[in-house]
């Protein structure tokens, strides 16, 4: 009885009593070596001048179609835009690396079984494809209910479809996902959500600064890319208007103060101040407002001015209230003294 061959890999099946003097050699060449190709064989297929490349498919001997890994190289485009790689009509899996050079976006390389629909290879990609002998299907995702591993390394990207969550912690305490409309980082379990880093930036999709949190430094908040609020070692620096819908209360307990003294000659100090009407150069340019000039106040009453670490010069208007109260009291006493005469 003559040898036969397996359906898919075309391995040699020797009949009883056949090849008594060469049975071992045929087993090695027609089965073991071919299994090695099917499991780990690497074939390079060059395309170019023809529109169709048919992989060799031999029974009991080496060929291209049996190899586990195919690398397609060469050039497509110019005289024709499509090149078809024909594989045998039996079930098999292939790892395919597409190293073909493309002339333009209309070019393509297609893996197919003759007479059936094929699968277009991703340009520059490496992927796993399976065929049932008619249809070629890319393995676009691998689905496992649970994966246990000490280290998981992803070389390019991991795809999570909408509402598929990346869970961290035994009780899925931290969850990262996209619900089709919005993206979420959710602390769904016990403990706190802690972000660690020497500096943590929050930027827009266009990389515009929104917030920056700096270790042992400032917390900066931005509007339309411009810094509006920054914490400092002495408090908070605000650029622009500050509008409060409630009371603004300043800490003023006696226990926090030392070297307390009455304001001497408050009326004389008030007379050194000059109230002015003005417009800002960079903000709210259309509206006039009232206030003092920093440099004038600094010369007259230096206790009412401050300069920030970034060189911003300002007047502490709220602190001027105590001076005005004492000036009014002094003026009131003068009026009483005149009235008593």
C-alpha atoms as a PDB file:
ATOM      1  CA  UNK A   1       0.000   0.000   0.000  1.00  0.00           C
ATOM      2  CA  UNK A   2       1.379   3.428  -0.975  1.00  0.00           C
ATOM      3  CA  UNK A   3       1.932   6.294   1.481  1.00  0.00           C
ATOM      4  CA  UNK A   4      -0.834   8.859   2.037  1.00  0.00           C
ATOM      5  CA  UNK A   5      -0.747  12.387   3.420  1.00  0.00           C
ATOM      6  CA  UNK A   6      -2.513  14.293   6.181  1.00  0.00           C
ATOM      7  CA  UNK A   7      -5.213  16.753   5.105  1.00  0.00           C
ATOM      8  CA  UNK A   8      -3.920  20.041   6.454  1.00  0.00           C
ATOM      9  CA  UNK A   9      -0.137  19.835   6.847  1.00  0.00           C
ATOM     10  CA  UNK A  10       0.476  17.236   4.096  1.00  0.00           C
ATOM     11  CA  UNK A  11       2.609  15.064   6.394  1.00  0.00           C
ATOM     12  CA  UNK A  12       3.634  11.614   5.089  1.00  0.00           C
ATOM     13  CA  UNK A  13       1.650   8.616   6.424  1.00  0.00           C
ATOM     14  CA  UNK A  14       3.615   5.490   5.506  1.00  0.00           C
ATOM     15  CA  UNK A  15       1.666   2.294   4.995  1.00  0.00           C
ATOM     16  CA  UNK A  16       2.350  -0.911   6.929  1.00  0.00           C
ATOM     17  CA  UNK A  17       5.449  -2.669   5.627  1.00  0.00           C
ATOM     18  CA  UNK A  18       6.304   0.175   3.242  1.00  0.00           C
ATOM     19  CA  UNK A  19       9.841   1.496   2.833  1.00  0.00           C
ATOM     20  CA  UNK A  20      11.572  -1.107   5.037  1.00  0.00           C
ATOM     21  CA  UNK A  21      15.029   0.313   4.367  1.00  0.00           C
ATOM     22  CA  UNK A  22      14.157   4.021   4.396  1.00  0.00           C
ATOM     23  CA  UNK A  23      11.248   4.226   6.818  1.00  0.00           C
ATOM     24  CA  UNK A  24      13.226   6.258   9.415  1.00  0.00           C
ATOM     25  CA  UNK A  25      14.541   8.722   6.847  1.00  0.00           C
ATOM     26  CA  UNK A  26      11.076   9.310   5.425  1.00  0.00           C
ATOM     27  CA  UNK A  27       9.700   9.773   8.959  1.00  0.00           C
ATOM     28  CA  UNK A  28      12.340  12.419   9.624  1.00  0.00           C
ATOM     29  CA  UNK A  29      11.957  14.235   6.297  1.00  0.00           C
ATOM     30  CA  UNK A  30       8.240  13.750   5.684  1.00  0.00           C
ATOM     31  CA  UNK A  31       6.909  14.253   9.220  1.00  0.00           C
ATOM     32  CA  UNK A  32       9.280  15.570  11.867  1.00  0.00           C
ATOM     33  CA  UNK A  33      10.985  18.256   9.735  1.00  0.00           C
ATOM     34  CA  UNK A  34       7.668  19.356   8.272  1.00  0.00           C
ATOM     35  CA  UNK A  35       6.108  19.607  11.752  1.00  0.00           C
ATOM     36  CA  UNK A  36       9.037  21.839  12.710  1.00  0.00           C
ATOM     37  CA  UNK A  37       8.157  24.102   9.764  1.00  0.00           C
ATOM     38  CA  UNK A  38       4.466  24.130  10.694  1.00  0.00           C
ATOM     39  CA  UNK A  39       5.200  25.064  14.297  1.00  0.00           C
ATOM     40  CA  UNK A  40       8.147  27.448  13.949  1.00  0.00           C
ATOM     41  CA  UNK A  41       9.119  27.742  10.281  1.00  0.00           C
ATOM     42  CA  UNK A  42       9.831  31.230   8.859  1.00  0.00           C
ATOM     43  CA  UNK A  43       9.345  31.949   5.151  1.00  0.00           C
ATOM     44  CA  UNK A  44      10.069  35.184   3.281  1.00  0.00           C
ATOM     45  CA  UNK A  45       7.723  35.813   0.322  1.00  0.00           C
ATOM     46  CA  UNK A  46       8.740  38.523  -2.161  1.00  0.00           C
ATOM     47  CA  UNK A  47       6.089  40.344  -4.201  1.00  0.00           C
ATOM     48  CA  UNK A  48       6.459  42.865  -7.012  1.00  0.00           C
ATOM     49  CA  UNK A  49       5.846  42.295 -10.689  1.00  0.00           C
ATOM     50  CA  UNK A  50       2.918  39.856 -10.506  1.00  0.00           C
ATOM     51  CA  UNK A  51      -0.565  40.493  -9.149  1.00  0.00           C
ATOM     52  CA  UNK A  52      -0.905  37.025  -7.602  1.00  0.00           C
ATOM     53  CA  UNK A  53       1.606  34.965  -5.635  1.00  0.00           C
ATOM     54  CA  UNK A  54       0.597  31.346  -4.939  1.00  0.00           C
ATOM     55  CA  UNK A  55       2.400  29.726  -2.031  1.00  0.00           C
ATOM     56  CA  UNK A  56       3.983  26.389  -2.845  1.00  0.00           C
ATOM     57  CA  UNK A  57       2.107  23.472  -1.254  1.00  0.00           C
ATOM     58  CA  UNK A  58       3.834  20.088  -1.477  1.00  0.00           C
ATOM     59  CA  UNK A  59       2.855  16.701  -0.089  1.00  0.00           C
ATOM     60  CA  UNK A  60       5.517  15.188   2.138  1.00  0.00           C
ATOM     61  CA  UNK A  61       8.225  17.778   1.376  1.00  0.00           C
ATOM     62  CA  UNK A  62       9.146  21.333   2.267  1.00  0.00           C
ATOM     63  CA  UNK A  63       7.147  24.270   0.879  1.00  0.00           C
ATOM     64  CA  UNK A  64       6.067  27.850   1.663  1.00  0.00           C
ATOM     65  CA  UNK A  65       2.462  27.298   2.746  1.00  0.00           C
ATOM     66  CA  UNK A  66       3.328  24.975   5.638  1.00  0.00           C
ATOM     67  CA  UNK A  67       5.484  27.531   7.509  1.00  0.00           C
ATOM     68  CA  UNK A  68       4.078  29.069  10.682  1.00  0.00           C
ATOM     69  CA  UNK A  69       5.447  32.536  10.004  1.00  0.00           C
ATOM     70  CA  UNK A  70       5.340  34.429   6.707  1.00  0.00           C
ATOM     71  CA  UNK A  71       7.124  37.695   6.013  1.00  0.00           C
ATOM     72  CA  UNK A  72       5.859  39.450   2.892  1.00  0.00           C
ATOM     73  CA  UNK A  73       8.274  41.967   1.358  1.00  0.00           C
ATOM     74  CA  UNK A  74       8.839  43.758  -1.938  1.00  0.00           C
ATOM     75  CA  UNK A  75       6.884  46.636  -3.485  1.00  0.00           C
ATOM     76  CA  UNK A  76       3.256  47.145  -4.461  1.00  0.00           C
ATOM     77  CA  UNK A  77       1.874  49.965  -6.606  1.00  0.00           C
ATOM     78  CA  UNK A  78       2.681  51.400  -9.997  1.00  0.00           C
ATOM     79  CA  UNK A  79       1.630  48.822 -12.609  1.00  0.00           C
ATOM     80  CA  UNK A  80      -0.960  47.357 -10.202  1.00  0.00           C
ATOM     81  CA  UNK A  81      -2.309  48.425  -6.824  1.00  0.00           C
ATOM     82  CA  UNK A  82      -3.258  45.024  -5.384  1.00  0.00           C
ATOM     83  CA  UNK A  83      -1.228  41.884  -4.807  1.00  0.00           C
ATOM     84  CA  UNK A  84      -2.936  38.679  -3.681  1.00  0.00           C
ATOM     85  CA  UNK A  85      -1.148  35.991  -1.657  1.00  0.00           C
ATOM     86  CA  UNK A  86      -2.942  32.666  -2.265  1.00  0.00           C
ATOM     87  CA  UNK A  87      -2.787  30.032   0.473  1.00  0.00           C
ATOM     88  CA  UNK A  88      -4.044  26.393   0.297  1.00  0.00           C
ATOM     89  CA  UNK A  89      -7.695  25.519   0.929  1.00  0.00           C
ATOM     90  CA  UNK A  90      -7.114  23.740   4.232  1.00  0.00           C
ATOM     91  CA  UNK A  91      -7.399  24.931   7.823  1.00  0.00           C
ATOM     92  CA  UNK A  92      -4.298  26.543   9.291  1.00  0.00           C
ATOM     93  CA  UNK A  93      -3.010  29.540  11.204  1.00  0.00           C
ATOM     94  CA  UNK A  94      -0.307  31.969  10.098  1.00  0.00           C
ATOM     95  CA  UNK A  95       1.633  34.754  11.728  1.00  0.00           C
ATOM     96  CA  UNK A  96       2.117  37.283   8.922  1.00  0.00           C
ATOM     97  CA  UNK A  97       4.540  40.199   8.949  1.00  0.00           C
ATOM     98  CA  UNK A  98       3.819  42.750   6.224  1.00  0.00           C
ATOM     99  CA  UNK A  99       7.110  44.401   5.174  1.00  0.00           C
ATOM    100  CA  UNK A 100       5.882  45.463   1.713  1.00  0.00           C
ATOM    101  CA  UNK A 101       6.657  49.016   0.524  1.00  0.00           C
ATOM    102  CA  UNK A 102       3.556  50.885  -0.685  1.00  0.00           C
ATOM    103  CA  UNK A 103       3.587  53.567  -3.390  1.00  0.00           C
ATOM    104  CA  UNK A 104       0.352  55.233  -2.215  1.00  0.00           C
ATOM    105  CA  UNK A 105      -2.746  54.803  -0.071  1.00  0.00           C
ATOM    106  CA  UNK A 106      -4.643  52.867  -2.782  1.00  0.00           C
ATOM    107  CA  UNK A 107      -2.202  49.926  -2.677  1.00  0.00           C
ATOM    108  CA  UNK A 108      -2.953  46.736  -0.736  1.00  0.00           C
ATOM    109  CA  UNK A 109      -1.757  43.201  -0.066  1.00  0.00           C
ATOM    110  CA  UNK A 110      -4.483  40.564   0.430  1.00  0.00           C
ATOM    111  CA  UNK A 111      -4.174  37.090   1.966  1.00  0.00           C
ATOM    112  CA  UNK A 112      -6.828  34.704   0.616  1.00  0.00           C
ATOM    113  CA  UNK A 113      -7.842  31.214  -0.416  1.00  0.00           C
ATOM    114  CA  UNK A 114      -8.461  31.002  -4.165  1.00  0.00           C
ATOM    115  CA  UNK A 115     -12.055  31.764  -5.079  1.00  0.00           C
ATOM    116  CA  UNK A 116     -12.906  33.235  -1.666  1.00  0.00           C
ATOM    117  CA  UNK A 117     -12.854  36.545   0.116  1.00  0.00           C
ATOM    118  CA  UNK A 118      -9.514  37.435   1.658  1.00  0.00           C
ATOM    119  CA  UNK A 119      -8.133  39.642   4.392  1.00  0.00           C
ATOM    120  CA  UNK A 120      -6.147  42.807   3.680  1.00  0.00           C
ATOM    121  CA  UNK A 121      -2.847  42.900   5.554  1.00  0.00           C
ATOM    122  CA  UNK A 122      -2.184  45.922   7.729  1.00  0.00           C
ATOM    123  CA  UNK A 123       0.652  47.973   6.261  1.00  0.00           C
ATOM    124  CA  UNK A 124       3.763  47.501   8.396  1.00  0.00           C
ATOM    125  CA  UNK A 125       1.879  45.241  10.807  1.00  0.00           C
ATOM    126  CA  UNK A 126       2.386  41.765  12.209  1.00  0.00           C
ATOM    127  CA  UNK A 127      -0.746  39.774  13.020  1.00  0.00           C
ATOM    128  CA  UNK A 128      -2.195  36.305  13.466  1.00  0.00           C
ATOM    129  CA  UNK A 129      -4.513  34.991  10.761  1.00  0.00           C
ATOM    130  CA  UNK A 130      -6.559  31.773  10.685  1.00  0.00           C
ATOM    131  CA  UNK A 131      -8.330  30.046   7.817  1.00  0.00           C
ATOM    132  CA  UNK A 132     -10.920  27.274   7.719  1.00  0.00           C
ATOM    133  CA  UNK A 133      -9.986  26.445   4.139  1.00  0.00           C
ATOM    134  CA  UNK A 134     -12.236  29.087   2.613  1.00  0.00           C
ATOM    135  CA  UNK A 135     -12.226  32.318   4.636  1.00  0.00           C
ATOM    136  CA  UNK A 136      -9.115  34.083   5.985  1.00  0.00           C
ATOM    137  CA  UNK A 137      -9.789  35.819   9.302  1.00  0.00           C
ATOM    138  CA  UNK A 138      -7.481  38.109  11.285  1.00  0.00           C
ATOM    139  CA  UNK A 139      -7.392  37.415  15.014  1.00  0.00           C
ATOM    140  CA  UNK A 140      -8.251  40.946  16.134  1.00  0.00           C
ATOM    141  CA  UNK A 141      -8.561  40.190  19.831  1.00  0.00           C
ATOM    142  CA  UNK A 142      -7.922  37.449  22.326  1.00  0.00           C
ATOM    143  CA  UNK A 143     -10.610  37.017  24.994  1.00  0.00           C
ATOM    144  CA  UNK A 144      -9.798  35.368  28.299  1.00  0.00           C
ATOM    145  CA  UNK A 145     -11.981  35.305  31.381  1.00  0.00           C
ATOM    146  CA  UNK A 146      -8.940  35.588  33.663  1.00  0.00           C
ATOM    147  CA  UNK A 147      -5.204  35.995  33.110  1.00  0.00           C
ATOM    148  CA  UNK A 148      -2.736  35.226  35.902  1.00  0.00           C
ATOM    149  CA  UNK A 149       0.820  36.441  35.424  1.00  0.00           C
ATOM    150  CA  UNK A 150       3.562  38.025  37.508  1.00  0.00           C
ATOM    151  CA  UNK A 151       4.533  40.455  34.723  1.00  0.00           C
ATOM    152  CA  UNK A 152       2.425  41.503  31.714  1.00  0.00           C
ATOM    153  CA  UNK A 153       4.297  43.419  28.997  1.00  0.00           C
ATOM    154  CA  UNK A 154       2.393  45.095  26.127  1.00  0.00           C
ATOM    155  CA  UNK A 155       4.734  46.116  23.306  1.00  0.00           C
ATOM    156  CA  UNK A 156       2.326  48.349  21.336  1.00  0.00           C
ATOM    157  CA  UNK A 157      -1.170  48.850  22.768  1.00  0.00           C
ATOM    158  CA  UNK A 158      -3.977  47.121  24.632  1.00  0.00           C
ATOM    159  CA  UNK A 159      -7.532  47.652  23.391  1.00  0.00           C
ATOM    160  CA  UNK A 160     -10.431  48.011  25.826  1.00  0.00           C
ATOM    161  CA  UNK A 161     -13.786  48.463  24.090  1.00  0.00           C
ATOM    162  CA  UNK A 162     -16.446  50.830  25.502  1.00  0.00           C
ATOM    163  CA  UNK A 163     -17.440  49.940  29.072  1.00  0.00           C
ATOM    164  CA  UNK A 164     -14.656  47.334  29.335  1.00  0.00           C
ATOM    165  CA  UNK A 165     -12.808  48.172  32.542  1.00  0.00           C
ATOM    166  CA  UNK A 166      -9.165  47.837  33.501  1.00  0.00           C
ATOM    167  CA  UNK A 167      -9.555  46.761  37.135  1.00  0.00           C
ATOM    168  CA  UNK A 168      -6.861  47.049  39.801  1.00  0.00           C
ATOM    169  CA  UNK A 169      -6.991  45.597  43.307  1.00  0.00           C
ATOM    170  CA  UNK A 170      -8.532  42.380  44.610  1.00  0.00           C
ATOM    171  CA  UNK A 171     -11.947  44.040  44.868  1.00  0.00           C
ATOM    172  CA  UNK A 172     -11.597  46.002  41.598  1.00  0.00           C
ATOM    173  CA  UNK A 173     -11.007  49.073  43.757  1.00  0.00           C
ATOM    174  CA  UNK A 174      -9.533  51.179  40.926  1.00  0.00           C
ATOM    175  CA  UNK A 175     -11.283  51.154  37.554  1.00  0.00           C
ATOM    176  CA  UNK A 176     -10.267  52.859  34.289  1.00  0.00           C
ATOM    177  CA  UNK A 177     -12.710  52.796  31.390  1.00  0.00           C
ATOM    178  CA  UNK A 178     -14.553  54.677  28.642  1.00  0.00           C
ATOM    179  CA  UNK A 179     -18.348  54.417  28.487  1.00  0.00           C
ATOM    180  CA  UNK A 180     -18.703  55.514  24.863  1.00  0.00           C
ATOM    181  CA  UNK A 181     -19.096  59.182  25.786  1.00  0.00           C
ATOM    182  CA  UNK A 182     -16.707  59.935  28.641  1.00  0.00           C
ATOM    183  CA  UNK A 183     -13.500  58.557  30.167  1.00  0.00           C
ATOM    184  CA  UNK A 184     -13.272  57.625  33.841  1.00  0.00           C
ATOM    185  CA  UNK A 185     -10.650  56.942  36.490  1.00  0.00           C
ATOM    186  CA  UNK A 186     -12.854  55.689  39.320  1.00  0.00           C
ATOM    187  CA  UNK A 187     -11.939  54.938  42.919  1.00  0.00           C
ATOM    188  CA  UNK A 188     -14.652  52.311  43.382  1.00  0.00           C
ATOM    189  CA  UNK A 189     -13.360  50.581  46.508  1.00  0.00           C
ATOM    190  CA  UNK A 190     -11.637  51.200  49.806  1.00  0.00           C
ATOM    191  CA  UNK A 191      -8.992  53.800  50.540  1.00  0.00           C
ATOM    192  CA  UNK A 192      -8.063  57.010  48.762  1.00  0.00           C
ATOM    193  CA  UNK A 193      -7.209  57.797  45.148  1.00  0.00           C
ATOM    194  CA  UNK A 194      -3.598  58.995  45.430  1.00  0.00           C
ATOM    195  CA  UNK A 195      -1.616  60.533  42.560  1.00  0.00           C
ATOM    196  CA  UNK A 196       2.135  60.609  43.159  1.00  0.00           C
ATOM    197  CA  UNK A 197       4.845  62.493  41.302  1.00  0.00           C
ATOM    198  CA  UNK A 198       7.314  65.346  41.604  1.00  0.00           C
ATOM    199  CA  UNK A 199       4.930  67.334  39.395  1.00  0.00           C
ATOM    200  CA  UNK A 200       1.442  66.429  38.217  1.00  0.00           C
ATOM    201  CA  UNK A 201       0.101  68.322  35.196  1.00  0.00           C
ATOM    202  CA  UNK A 202      -3.471  68.377  33.905  1.00  0.00           C
ATOM    203  CA  UNK A 203      -3.582  69.459  30.257  1.00  0.00           C
ATOM    204  CA  UNK A 204      -6.290  69.747  27.617  1.00  0.00           C
ATOM    205  CA  UNK A 205      -6.421  67.433  24.595  1.00  0.00           C
ATOM    206  CA  UNK A 206      -4.533  70.189  22.751  1.00  0.00           C
ATOM    207  CA  UNK A 207      -1.844  70.156  25.490  1.00  0.00           C
ATOM    208  CA  UNK A 208      -2.942  73.500  26.945  1.00  0.00           C
ATOM    209  CA  UNK A 209      -2.105  73.837  30.650  1.00  0.00           C
ATOM    210  CA  UNK A 210      -5.116  73.535  32.961  1.00  0.00           C
ATOM    211  CA  UNK A 211      -3.484  72.771  36.320  1.00  0.00           C
ATOM    212  CA  UNK A 212      -0.046  71.936  37.696  1.00  0.00           C
ATOM    213  CA  UNK A 213       0.710  70.492  41.130  1.00  0.00           C
ATOM    214  CA  UNK A 214       4.376  70.762  42.102  1.00  0.00           C
ATOM    215  CA  UNK A 215       5.908  68.899  45.038  1.00  0.00           C
ATOM    216  CA  UNK A 216       7.173  71.307  47.723  1.00  0.00           C
ATOM    217  CA  UNK A 217       6.014  74.129  45.450  1.00  0.00           C
ATOM    218  CA  UNK A 218       3.013  75.827  43.935  1.00  0.00           C
ATOM    219  CA  UNK A 219      -0.394  74.555  42.889  1.00  0.00           C
ATOM    220  CA  UNK A 220      -1.151  76.483  39.705  1.00  0.00           C
ATOM    221  CA  UNK A 221      -4.590  76.892  38.107  1.00  0.00           C
ATOM    222  CA  UNK A 222      -5.011  78.202  34.549  1.00  0.00           C
ATOM    223  CA  UNK A 223      -7.789  79.754  32.474  1.00  0.00           C
ATOM    224  CA  UNK A 224      -7.403  79.514  28.699  1.00  0.00           C
ATOM    225  CA  UNK A 225      -3.708  78.798  29.194  1.00  0.00           C
ATOM    226  CA  UNK A 226      -3.091  81.819  31.457  1.00  0.00           C
ATOM    227  CA  UNK A 227      -2.089  81.391  35.105  1.00  0.00           C
ATOM    228  CA  UNK A 228      -4.855  82.749  37.355  1.00  0.00           C
ATOM    229  CA  UNK A 229      -4.248  81.221  40.791  1.00  0.00           C
ATOM    230  CA  UNK A 230      -1.037  80.001  42.401  1.00  0.00           C
ATOM    231  CA  UNK A 231      -0.284  78.948  45.941  1.00  0.00           C
ATOM    232  CA  UNK A 232       2.890  80.384  47.469  1.00  0.00           C
ATOM    233  CA  UNK A 233       4.865  79.882  50.670  1.00  0.00           C
ATOM    234  CA  UNK A 234       2.870  82.757  52.204  1.00  0.00           C
ATOM    235  CA  UNK A 235      -0.595  82.157  50.765  1.00  0.00           C
ATOM    236  CA  UNK A 236      -2.287  82.462  47.377  1.00  0.00           C
ATOM    237  CA  UNK A 237      -1.514  84.713  44.412  1.00  0.00           C
ATOM    238  CA  UNK A 238      -4.459  85.592  42.153  1.00  0.00           C
ATOM    239  CA  UNK A 239      -4.144  87.184  38.726  1.00  0.00           C
ATOM    240  CA  UNK A 240      -7.315  89.043  37.746  1.00  0.00           C
ATOM    241  CA  UNK A 241     -10.550  89.700  39.622  1.00  0.00           C
ATOM    242  CA  UNK A 242     -11.664  87.677  42.623  1.00  0.00           C
ATOM    243  CA  UNK A 243     -15.454  87.474  43.020  1.00  0.00           C
ATOM    244  CA  UNK A 244     -16.977  85.971  46.181  1.00  0.00           C
ATOM    245  CA  UNK A 245     -20.653  85.044  46.488  1.00  0.00           C
ATOM    246  CA  UNK A 246     -20.294  84.888  50.289  1.00  0.00           C
ATOM    247  CA  UNK A 247     -18.381  86.673  53.014  1.00  0.00           C
ATOM    248  CA  UNK A 248     -14.613  87.142  52.769  1.00  0.00           C
ATOM    249  CA  UNK A 249     -13.282  86.692  56.294  1.00  0.00           C
ATOM    250  CA  UNK A 250      -9.704  87.410  57.394  1.00  0.00           C
ATOM    251  CA  UNK A 251      -8.219  85.729  60.464  1.00  0.00           C
ATOM    252  CA  UNK A 252      -7.686  88.406  63.124  1.00  0.00           C
ATOM    253  CA  UNK A 253      -7.545  86.788  66.567  1.00  0.00           C
ATOM    254  CA  UNK A 254      -5.392  88.484  69.212  1.00  0.00           C
ATOM    255  CA  UNK A 255      -3.680  85.183  69.982  1.00  0.00           C
ATOM    256  CA  UNK A 256      -2.084  85.255  66.549  1.00  0.00           C
ATOM    257  CA  UNK A 257      -0.621  88.756  66.952  1.00  0.00           C
ATOM    258  CA  UNK A 258       2.267  90.309  68.843  1.00  0.00           C
ATOM    259  CA  UNK A 259       3.704  93.795  69.392  1.00  0.00           C
ATOM    260  CA  UNK A 260       0.238  95.363  69.106  1.00  0.00           C
ATOM    261  CA  UNK A 261       0.315  99.177  68.952  1.00  0.00           C
ATOM    262  CA  UNK A 262      -2.222 101.940  68.294  1.00  0.00           C
ATOM    263  CA  UNK A 263      -1.934 103.656  64.926  1.00  0.00           C
ATOM    264  CA  UNK A 264      -0.215 106.973  65.545  1.00  0.00           C
ATOM    265  CA  UNK A 265      -1.487 110.108  63.759  1.00  0.00           C
ATOM    266  CA  UNK A 266      -3.950 108.210  61.526  1.00  0.00           C
ATOM    267  CA  UNK A 267      -5.432 111.376  60.048  1.00  0.00           C
ATOM    268  CA  UNK A 268      -2.005 112.579  58.952  1.00  0.00           C
ATOM    269  CA  UNK A 269      -1.360 109.195  57.346  1.00  0.00           C
ATOM    270  CA  UNK A 270      -4.664 109.297  55.440  1.00  0.00           C
ATOM    271  CA  UNK A 271      -3.825 112.753  54.108  1.00  0.00           C
ATOM    272  CA  UNK A 272      -0.671 111.265  52.553  1.00  0.00           C
ATOM    273  CA  UNK A 273      -2.753 108.899  50.428  1.00  0.00           C
ATOM    274  CA  UNK A 274      -4.055 109.815  46.979  1.00  0.00           C
ATOM    275  CA  UNK A 275      -7.147 108.072  45.682  1.00  0.00           C
ATOM    276  CA  UNK A 276      -7.204 107.799  41.893  1.00  0.00           C
ATOM    277  CA  UNK A 277      -9.545 106.758  39.099  1.00  0.00           C
ATOM    278  CA  UNK A 278      -7.968 104.574  36.379  1.00  0.00           C
ATOM    279  CA  UNK A 279      -8.266 101.795  33.772  1.00  0.00           C
ATOM    280  CA  UNK A 280      -6.266  98.572  33.762  1.00  0.00           C
ATOM    281  CA  UNK A 281      -3.837  98.040  30.877  1.00  0.00           C
ATOM    282  CA  UNK A 282      -4.363  94.285  30.383  1.00  0.00           C
ATOM    283  CA  UNK A 283      -7.776  93.376  31.840  1.00  0.00           C
ATOM    284  CA  UNK A 284     -11.192  95.004  32.046  1.00  0.00           C
ATOM    285  CA  UNK A 285      -9.785  97.798  29.874  1.00  0.00           C
ATOM    286  CA  UNK A 286     -13.139  99.436  29.142  1.00  0.00           C
ATOM    287  CA  UNK A 287     -14.224 100.104  32.736  1.00  0.00           C
ATOM    288  CA  UNK A 288     -12.826 102.680  35.122  1.00  0.00           C
ATOM    289  CA  UNK A 289     -12.143 101.754  38.720  1.00  0.00           C
ATOM    290  CA  UNK A 290     -10.863 103.379  41.896  1.00  0.00           C
ATOM    291  CA  UNK A 291      -7.815 102.663  43.981  1.00  0.00           C
ATOM    292  CA  UNK A 292      -4.299 103.666  45.008  1.00  0.00           C
ATOM    293  CA  UNK A 293      -0.906 103.649  43.293  1.00  0.00           C
ATOM    294  CA  UNK A 294       1.415 101.046  44.813  1.00  0.00           C
ATOM    295  CA  UNK A 295       4.520 103.212  44.699  1.00  0.00           C
ATOM    296  CA  UNK A 296       2.773 106.175  46.365  1.00  0.00           C
ATOM    297  CA  UNK A 297       1.355 104.022  49.146  1.00  0.00           C
ATOM    298  CA  UNK A 298       4.731 102.381  49.696  1.00  0.00           C
ATOM    299  CA  UNK A 299       6.343 105.788  50.262  1.00  0.00           C
ATOM    300  CA  UNK A 300       3.562 106.983  52.575  1.00  0.00           C
ATOM    301  CA  UNK A 301       2.531 103.846  54.507  1.00  0.00           C
ATOM    302  CA  UNK A 302       4.783 100.871  53.661  1.00  0.00           C
ATOM    303  CA  UNK A 303       2.766  98.601  55.997  1.00  0.00           C
ATOM    304  CA  UNK A 304      -0.054  98.586  53.412  1.00  0.00           C
ATOM    305  CA  UNK A 305       1.932  97.160  50.471  1.00  0.00           C
ATOM    306  CA  UNK A 306       3.349  93.746  49.571  1.00  0.00           C
ATOM    307  CA  UNK A 307       5.406  92.394  46.672  1.00  0.00           C
ATOM    308  CA  UNK A 308       5.058  88.698  45.809  1.00  0.00           C
ATOM    309  CA  UNK A 309       7.901  86.294  45.086  1.00  0.00           C
ATOM    310  CA  UNK A 310       7.062  86.708  41.383  1.00  0.00           C
ATOM    311  CA  UNK A 311       7.356  90.482  41.550  1.00  0.00           C
ATOM    312  CA  UNK A 312       3.630  91.290  41.639  1.00  0.00           C
ATOM    313  CA  UNK A 313       3.161  94.566  43.528  1.00  0.00           C
ATOM    314  CA  UNK A 314      -0.071  95.198  45.401  1.00  0.00           C
ATOM    315  CA  UNK A 315      -1.868  97.245  48.060  1.00  0.00           C
ATOM    316  CA  UNK A 316      -3.637  95.539  50.986  1.00  0.00           C
ATOM    317  CA  UNK A 317      -6.896  97.483  50.712  1.00  0.00           C
ATOM    318  CA  UNK A 318      -8.590  95.490  53.462  1.00  0.00           C
ATOM    319  CA  UNK A 319      -5.875  96.510  55.937  1.00  0.00           C
ATOM    320  CA  UNK A 320      -6.488 100.179  55.157  1.00  0.00           C
ATOM    321  CA  UNK A 321      -9.849  99.831  56.951  1.00  0.00           C
ATOM    322  CA  UNK A 322      -8.228  99.996  60.383  1.00  0.00           C
ATOM    323  CA  UNK A 323      -6.380 103.167  59.379  1.00  0.00           C
ATOM    324  CA  UNK A 324      -9.580 104.779  58.097  1.00  0.00           C
ATOM    325  CA  UNK A 325     -11.443 103.862  61.292  1.00  0.00           C
ATOM    326  CA  UNK A 326      -8.805 105.492  63.465  1.00  0.00           C
ATOM    327  CA  UNK A 327      -8.667 108.551  61.183  1.00  0.00           C
ATOM    328  CA  UNK A 328     -12.451 108.952  61.434  1.00  0.00           C
ATOM    329  CA  UNK A 329     -12.241 108.630  65.226  1.00  0.00           C
ATOM    330  CA  UNK A 330      -9.520 111.277  65.359  1.00  0.00           C
ATOM    331  CA  UNK A 331     -11.510 113.581  63.090  1.00  0.00           C
ATOM    332  CA  UNK A 332     -14.655 112.959  65.145  1.00  0.00           C
ATOM    333  CA  UNK A 333     -12.822 113.951  68.303  1.00  0.00           C
ATOM    334  CA  UNK A 334     -11.653 117.165  66.659  1.00  0.00           C
ATOM    335  CA  UNK A 335     -15.253 117.990  65.714  1.00  0.00           C
ATOM    336  CA  UNK A 336     -16.418 117.307  69.288  1.00  0.00           C
ATOM    337  CA  UNK A 337     -13.677 119.513  70.658  1.00  0.00           C
ATOM    338  CA  UNK A 338     -14.735 122.363  68.356  1.00  0.00           C
ATOM    339  CA  UNK A 339     -18.403 121.910  69.234  1.00  0.00           C
ATOM    340  CA  UNK A 340     -17.654 122.048  72.968  1.00  0.00           C
ATOM    341  CA  UNK A 341     -16.034 125.454  72.717  1.00  0.00           C
END
